Amino acid sequence: MTWHVFRNAAIIFALTFGCAEAADYLRDIKPLFQQKCYACHGALKQQAELRLDTAASLIQGGESGPTLTAGDPSHSLLLDVLTGEAGFTMPPDNEGAKLTLAEIELVRQWIGQGATAPDSEQPQADPHQWWSYRTLHRPDFPKLTEADAAWCKNGIDPFIAAKRAEHRLPHAAEAAKSVWLRRVYLDLIGLPPTRAEQQQFLADPSASAYETVVDDLLNRPAYGERWGRHWMDVWRYSDWYGSRGSNEIRYSQRHIWRWRDWIVNSLNADKGYDQMIREMLAADEIAGDDIDVLPATGYLGRSWYKFDRDVWLFE
């Protein structure tokens, strides 16, 4: 009995005097609601027309009216819901962990202090407005000085010139033809030009000489070999592990190189990224008889790990 009295007294003391520092909305309250409440009361969902992602919307409340009375925790619906005094608790059962006593006490303390929060607080952004979900549109060209406009040679240059002018950076000197040629060769195929290729380019005075070189390099098998290695890194390609069991998959497969070749060939064929993903995930379903497409499923074989702790789920 003495131990229980001592424990309860310690808890009361800690809650009363251990939080001498004022509860801070941004440090203590907002992260708490973000972790436990935003799923149902955030940007995507507002159950009971209630949003909790800003202090203003929290205080305003939803269908049941204001959630709290600043400075008066005893008349705050929010606390009644968190503690169960309202006849139910939030978060609901089986939909997330309840707030602990210490967390509820932080909310109580914040309300008692006046429920203050920064005036500049903004609501959580709608995920549907994320840049990758927006419809593509062609931006307007920025306004340039006459000198900057004269420097531009393609559709990208005006944006580079505008950003450079914003940061007060001078024009970069135009690369010599020999320097440009070496750069584009190394960038696209990973190899320098031969002496004959360099001499041919330097002897071509036409305005289309640059485009001719780029088109030629993009059409070479070496282009897919050069850039395929980067996509192999992204998709975690590696050669066969070399297990002694001839029919065993461990880390990889003996014929995984076919997937490697498919990556290279797909890049050289200018296959779209979306189509490459579809084929890697389901080539056996969408092109089961196409021997040029089936190797894409090497992605699935390569990602299979014999000693995965969850492998029993698939057996």
Protein backbone atom coordinates (compact mmCIF):
# COMPACT_ATOMS: atom_id res chain seq x y z
CA MET A 1 0.00 0.00 0.00
CA THR A 2 2.81 2.37 0.93
CA TRP A 3 4.48 1.74 -2.44
CA HIS A 4 1.31 2.62 -4.41
CA VAL A 5 0.87 5.83 -2.44
CA PHE A 6 4.49 6.76 -3.08
CA ARG A 7 4.19 5.96 -6.81
CA ASN A 8 1.02 8.03 -7.24
CA ALA A 9 2.56 10.90 -5.32
CA ALA A 10 5.62 10.76 -7.58
CA ILE A 11 3.45 10.88 -10.71
CA ILE A 12 1.46 13.85 -9.42
CA PHE A 13 4.67 15.63 -8.44
CA ALA A 14 6.21 15.00 -11.86
CA LEU A 15 3.15 16.24 -13.71
CA THR A 16 2.75 19.27 -11.49
CA PHE A 17 6.32 20.43 -10.94
CA GLY A 18 8.39 18.42 -13.43
CA CYS A 19 7.07 20.47 -16.36
CA ALA A 20 8.23 23.83 -15.17
CA GLU A 21 9.00 24.76 -18.76
CA ALA A 22 5.91 25.93 -20.61
CA ALA A 23 4.42 23.54 -23.14
CA ASP A 24 5.38 24.72 -26.61
CA TYR A 25 2.94 24.27 -29.48
CA LEU A 26 5.51 23.66 -32.22
CA ARG A 27 7.76 21.51 -30.08
CA ASP A 28 5.24 19.51 -28.06
CA ILE A 29 1.68 19.75 -29.38
CA LYS A 30 1.82 19.91 -33.19
CA PRO A 31 4.17 16.87 -33.56
CA LEU A 32 1.87 14.93 -31.23
CA PHE A 33 -1.23 15.61 -33.32
CA GLN A 34 0.73 15.01 -36.52
CA GLN A 35 1.72 11.54 -35.33
CA LYS A 36 -1.64 10.45 -33.95
CA CYS A 37 -4.41 12.54 -35.50
CA TYR A 38 -3.57 13.77 -39.02
CA ALA A 39 -4.60 10.50 -40.69
CA CYS A 40 -8.25 11.32 -39.93
CA HIS A 41 -8.08 15.08 -39.33
CA GLY A 42 -5.46 16.38 -41.76
CA ALA A 43 -5.22 17.49 -45.37
CA LEU A 44 -6.63 14.29 -46.92
CA LYS A 45 -9.43 13.53 -44.49
CA GLN A 46 -11.45 15.72 -42.14
CA GLN A 47 -13.73 13.38 -40.23
CA ALA A 48 -16.54 15.29 -38.53
CA GLU A 49 -15.29 18.33 -40.50
CA LEU A 50 -12.41 18.66 -38.04
CA ARG A 51 -8.84 19.56 -38.98
CA LEU A 52 -6.02 19.47 -36.46
CA ASP A 53 -3.07 20.51 -38.62
CA THR A 54 -3.16 24.12 -37.41
CA ALA A 55 -3.94 25.61 -34.02
CA ALA A 56 -6.57 27.87 -35.61
CA SER A 57 -8.50 24.97 -37.17
CA LEU A 58 -8.06 22.94 -33.99
CA ILE A 59 -9.63 25.68 -31.86
CA GLN A 60 -12.37 26.32 -34.44
CA GLY A 61 -13.41 22.68 -34.26
CA GLY A 62 -15.83 20.81 -36.50
CA GLU A 63 -19.36 19.45 -36.34
CA SER A 64 -19.31 19.43 -32.53
CA GLY A 65 -18.17 23.04 -32.27
CA PRO A 66 -14.97 24.48 -30.78
CA THR A 67 -12.64 21.84 -29.38
CA LEU A 68 -11.22 23.89 -26.55
CA THR A 69 -11.51 27.00 -24.44
CA ALA A 70 -8.16 28.76 -24.28
CA GLY A 71 -7.02 29.06 -20.69
CA ASP A 72 -9.68 26.67 -19.36
CA PRO A 73 -8.80 22.97 -19.74
CA SER A 74 -11.81 21.90 -17.67
CA HIS A 75 -14.20 23.16 -20.37
CA SER A 76 -12.36 21.79 -23.40
CA LEU A 77 -13.98 19.09 -25.54
CA LEU A 78 -10.56 18.08 -26.84
CA LEU A 79 -9.41 16.91 -23.43
CA ASP A 80 -12.71 15.14 -22.77
CA VAL A 81 -12.22 13.15 -25.98
CA LEU A 82 -8.58 12.35 -25.25
CA THR A 83 -9.35 11.17 -21.71
CA GLY A 84 -12.60 9.36 -22.51
CA GLU A 85 -14.78 11.67 -20.43
CA ALA A 86 -16.80 12.44 -23.58
CA GLY A 87 -18.00 8.83 -23.69
CA PHE A 88 -15.48 7.83 -26.35
CA THR A 89 -11.77 8.30 -26.96
CA MET A 90 -9.62 9.34 -29.86
CA PRO A 91 -7.82 7.92 -31.71
CA PRO A 92 -10.45 5.17 -32.04
CA ASP A 93 -9.69 1.63 -30.96
CA ASN A 94 -7.58 -0.29 -33.49
CA GLU A 95 -6.72 2.92 -35.34
CA GLY A 96 -3.58 3.97 -33.56
CA ALA A 97 -2.07 4.27 -30.12
CA LYS A 98 -3.89 6.41 -27.57
CA LEU A 99 -2.18 9.42 -26.07
CA THR A 100 -0.27 8.61 -22.92
CA LEU A 101 -1.02 10.34 -19.62
CA ALA A 102 2.10 12.46 -20.05
CA GLU A 103 1.02 13.50 -23.57
CA ILE A 104 -2.49 14.37 -22.40
CA GLU A 105 -0.99 16.42 -19.60
CA LEU A 106 1.07 18.35 -22.17
CA VAL A 107 -2.13 19.19 -24.08
CA ARG A 108 -3.83 20.19 -20.82
CA GLN A 109 -0.90 22.42 -19.92
CA TRP A 110 -0.86 24.04 -23.36
CA ILE A 111 -4.59 24.83 -23.16
CA GLY A 112 -4.18 26.19 -19.64
CA GLN A 113 -1.43 28.50 -20.86
CA GLY A 114 -3.79 30.02 -23.41
CA ALA A 115 -3.35 27.62 -26.36
CA THR A 116 -0.92 29.99 -28.06
CA ALA A 117 0.59 29.25 -31.47
CA PRO A 118 2.43 31.18 -34.21
CA ASP A 119 0.16 33.42 -36.31
CA SER A 120 2.10 32.44 -39.43
CA GLU A 121 1.25 28.73 -39.17
CA GLN A 122 0.09 27.23 -42.47
CA PRO A 123 -2.16 24.16 -42.93
CA GLN A 124 -0.73 20.90 -44.21
CA ALA A 125 -0.39 20.99 -48.00
CA ASP A 126 -2.80 18.88 -50.04
CA PRO A 127 -0.74 15.88 -51.26
CA HIS A 128 -2.65 16.00 -54.54
CA GLN A 129 -0.93 19.31 -55.26
CA TRP A 130 2.53 17.76 -55.02
CA TRP A 131 4.60 18.74 -58.05
CA SER A 132 4.79 15.22 -59.47
CA TYR A 133 0.97 14.97 -59.65
CA ARG A 134 0.44 18.26 -61.45
CA THR A 135 -0.27 18.48 -65.17
CA LEU A 136 2.80 19.44 -67.13
CA HIS A 137 2.73 22.87 -68.74
CA ARG A 138 5.20 24.89 -70.73
CA PRO A 139 6.40 27.86 -68.67
CA ASP A 140 6.73 31.33 -70.13
CA PHE A 141 10.20 32.45 -71.08
CA PRO A 142 11.71 34.87 -68.56
CA LYS A 143 12.39 38.46 -69.59
CA LEU A 144 16.05 38.97 -70.44
CA THR A 145 18.35 41.82 -71.23
CA GLU A 146 19.52 42.15 -74.80
CA ALA A 147 22.95 40.78 -73.87
CA ASP A 148 21.48 37.75 -72.09
CA ALA A 149 19.11 37.07 -74.97
CA ALA A 150 22.01 37.12 -77.42
CA TRP A 151 23.81 34.51 -75.30
CA CYS A 152 20.91 32.03 -75.56
CA LYS A 153 21.05 29.33 -78.21
CA ASN A 154 18.22 26.95 -77.21
CA GLY A 155 15.03 26.75 -75.17
CA ILE A 156 16.81 26.01 -71.89
CA ASP A 157 19.32 28.84 -72.04
CA PRO A 158 16.84 31.66 -71.18
CA PHE A 159 16.08 30.03 -67.84
CA ILE A 160 19.78 29.54 -67.12
CA ALA A 161 20.46 33.16 -68.06
CA ALA A 162 17.65 34.45 -65.83
CA LYS A 163 18.84 32.46 -62.82
CA ARG A 164 22.42 33.49 -63.44
CA ALA A 165 21.39 37.16 -63.61
CA GLU A 166 19.43 36.73 -60.37
CA HIS A 167 22.64 35.64 -58.63
CA ARG A 168 24.76 38.21 -60.50
CA LEU A 169 26.96 35.60 -62.11
CA PRO A 170 28.82 36.37 -65.35
CA HIS A 171 28.39 34.49 -68.61
CA ALA A 172 30.41 31.30 -68.90
CA ALA A 173 32.75 31.39 -71.84
CA GLU A 174 31.66 29.24 -74.76
CA ALA A 175 33.59 25.98 -74.89
CA ALA A 176 35.89 25.39 -77.82
CA LYS A 177 34.56 22.86 -80.33
CA SER A 178 37.19 20.30 -79.35
CA VAL A 179 36.33 20.69 -75.65
CA TRP A 180 32.59 20.43 -76.33
CA LEU A 181 33.10 17.31 -78.43
CA ARG A 182 35.05 15.56 -75.69
CA ARG A 183 32.43 16.49 -73.09
CA VAL A 184 29.48 15.21 -75.10
CA TYR A 185 31.24 11.95 -75.96
CA LEU A 186 32.11 11.25 -72.32
CA ASP A 187 28.62 12.22 -71.20
CA LEU A 188 26.65 10.12 -73.66
CA ILE A 189 28.81 7.05 -74.31
CA GLY A 190 31.56 7.29 -71.68
CA LEU A 191 34.36 7.23 -74.28
CA PRO A 192 36.41 10.05 -75.84
CA PRO A 193 36.16 10.70 -79.59
CA THR A 194 38.73 9.17 -81.89
CA ARG A 195 41.16 11.40 -83.73
CA ALA A 196 39.22 10.87 -86.96
CA GLU A 197 35.90 11.79 -85.31
CA GLN A 198 37.43 14.92 -83.83
CA GLN A 199 38.92 16.03 -87.13
CA GLN A 200 35.63 15.41 -88.94
CA PHE A 201 33.70 17.52 -86.42
CA LEU A 202 36.21 20.39 -86.42
CA ALA A 203 36.10 20.49 -90.21
CA ASP A 204 32.29 20.81 -90.27
CA PRO A 205 31.33 24.53 -90.19
CA SER A 206 27.56 23.93 -90.47
CA ALA A 207 25.15 25.00 -87.72
CA SER A 208 23.82 21.43 -87.53
CA ALA A 209 27.23 19.91 -86.71
CA TYR A 210 26.45 19.74 -82.98
CA GLU A 211 23.05 18.09 -83.43
CA THR A 212 24.55 15.62 -85.88
CA VAL A 213 27.09 14.48 -83.28
CA VAL A 214 24.46 14.12 -80.54
CA ASP A 215 22.08 12.16 -82.78
CA ASP A 216 24.91 9.86 -83.81
CA LEU A 217 25.91 9.17 -80.19
CA LEU A 218 22.32 8.53 -79.09
CA ASN A 219 21.99 5.94 -81.84
CA ARG A 220 25.10 4.02 -80.81
CA PRO A 221 24.83 0.83 -78.69
CA ALA A 222 27.40 2.38 -76.36
CA TYR A 223 24.79 4.92 -75.22
CA GLY A 224 22.64 2.22 -73.57
CA GLU A 225 25.74 0.57 -72.12
CA ARG A 226 26.90 3.88 -70.63
CA TRP A 227 23.59 4.90 -69.06
CA GLY A 228 22.29 1.40 -68.37
CA ARG A 229 24.81 1.04 -65.55
CA HIS A 230 23.13 3.90 -63.68
CA TRP A 231 19.70 2.30 -63.95
CA MET A 232 21.24 -1.01 -62.88
CA ASP A 233 22.38 0.74 -59.72
CA VAL A 234 18.86 2.06 -59.13
CA TRP A 235 17.30 -1.38 -59.66
CA ARG A 236 20.05 -3.20 -57.70
CA TYR A 237 21.43 -5.31 -60.52
CA SER A 238 24.36 -7.60 -59.78
CA ASP A 239 25.82 -10.62 -61.53
CA TRP A 240 25.19 -14.22 -60.52
CA TYR A 241 26.34 -15.11 -57.03
CA GLY A 242 27.80 -18.39 -58.24
CA SER A 243 26.08 -20.84 -55.91
CA ARG A 244 27.02 -24.48 -56.47
CA GLY A 245 23.41 -25.57 -56.70
CA SER A 246 22.74 -25.34 -60.44
CA ASN A 247 19.01 -24.70 -60.00
CA GLU A 248 19.20 -22.62 -56.87
CA ILE A 249 18.35 -18.94 -56.62
CA ARG A 250 20.47 -17.21 -54.02
CA TYR A 251 20.97 -13.46 -54.30
CA SER A 252 20.65 -13.77 -58.08
CA GLN A 253 20.28 -16.15 -61.02
CA ARG A 254 22.74 -17.69 -63.43
CA HIS A 255 21.01 -16.00 -66.37
CA ILE A 256 20.51 -12.62 -64.73
CA TRP A 257 22.67 -11.10 -67.44
CA ARG A 258 19.65 -11.32 -69.73
CA TRP A 259 17.94 -8.68 -67.58
CA ARG A 260 21.08 -6.55 -67.85
CA ASP A 261 20.95 -6.78 -71.64
CA TRP A 262 17.23 -5.94 -71.59
CA ILE A 263 17.99 -2.72 -69.67
CA VAL A 264 20.65 -1.73 -72.20
CA ASN A 265 18.47 -2.60 -75.19
CA SER A 266 15.47 -0.77 -73.72
CA LEU A 267 17.48 2.43 -73.36
CA ASN A 268 18.82 2.13 -76.88
CA ALA A 269 15.26 1.62 -78.14
CA ASP A 270 14.16 4.78 -76.27
CA LYS A 271 11.59 2.75 -74.35
CA GLY A 272 9.56 4.84 -71.89
CA TYR A 273 10.25 4.51 -68.17
CA ASP A 274 6.61 3.62 -67.49
CA GLN A 275 6.76 0.78 -70.01
CA MET A 276 10.01 -0.50 -68.52
CA ILE A 277 8.40 -0.64 -65.08
CA ARG A 278 5.37 -2.52 -66.41
CA GLU A 279 7.57 -5.07 -68.13
CA MET A 280 9.81 -5.62 -65.10
CA LEU A 281 6.79 -6.23 -62.89
CA ALA A 282 4.60 -8.25 -65.25
CA ALA A 283 6.31 -9.14 -68.54
CA ASP A 284 5.21 -12.75 -68.14
CA GLU A 285 1.57 -11.57 -68.06
CA ILE A 286 1.57 -8.84 -70.70
CA ALA A 287 4.07 -10.36 -73.15
CA GLY A 288 4.46 -13.98 -72.15
CA ASP A 289 5.55 -15.12 -75.62
CA ASP A 290 7.94 -12.27 -76.38
CA ILE A 291 11.48 -13.47 -75.72
CA ASP A 292 12.77 -9.92 -76.03
CA VAL A 293 10.54 -8.70 -73.20
CA LEU A 294 10.50 -11.65 -70.78
CA PRO A 295 14.04 -10.99 -69.46
CA ALA A 296 12.62 -7.86 -67.80
CA THR A 297 11.32 -10.10 -65.00
CA GLY A 298 14.92 -10.56 -63.93
CA TYR A 299 14.12 -7.64 -61.67
CA LEU A 300 11.85 -9.91 -59.63
CA GLY A 301 14.34 -12.78 -59.57
CA ARG A 302 17.18 -10.50 -58.56
CA SER A 303 15.16 -9.07 -55.67
CA TRP A 304 14.35 -12.50 -54.25
CA TYR A 305 16.52 -13.33 -51.24
CA LYS A 306 16.66 -16.93 -50.07
CA PHE A 307 17.44 -16.10 -46.46
CA ASP A 308 14.83 -13.37 -46.06
CA ARG A 309 13.33 -13.71 -42.59
CA ASP A 310 9.83 -13.55 -44.14
CA VAL A 311 10.44 -16.12 -46.86
CA TRP A 312 8.20 -18.62 -45.06
CA LEU A 313 5.23 -16.40 -45.94
CA PHE A 314 5.62 -17.29 -49.60
CA GLU A 315 6.12 -21.04 -49.25
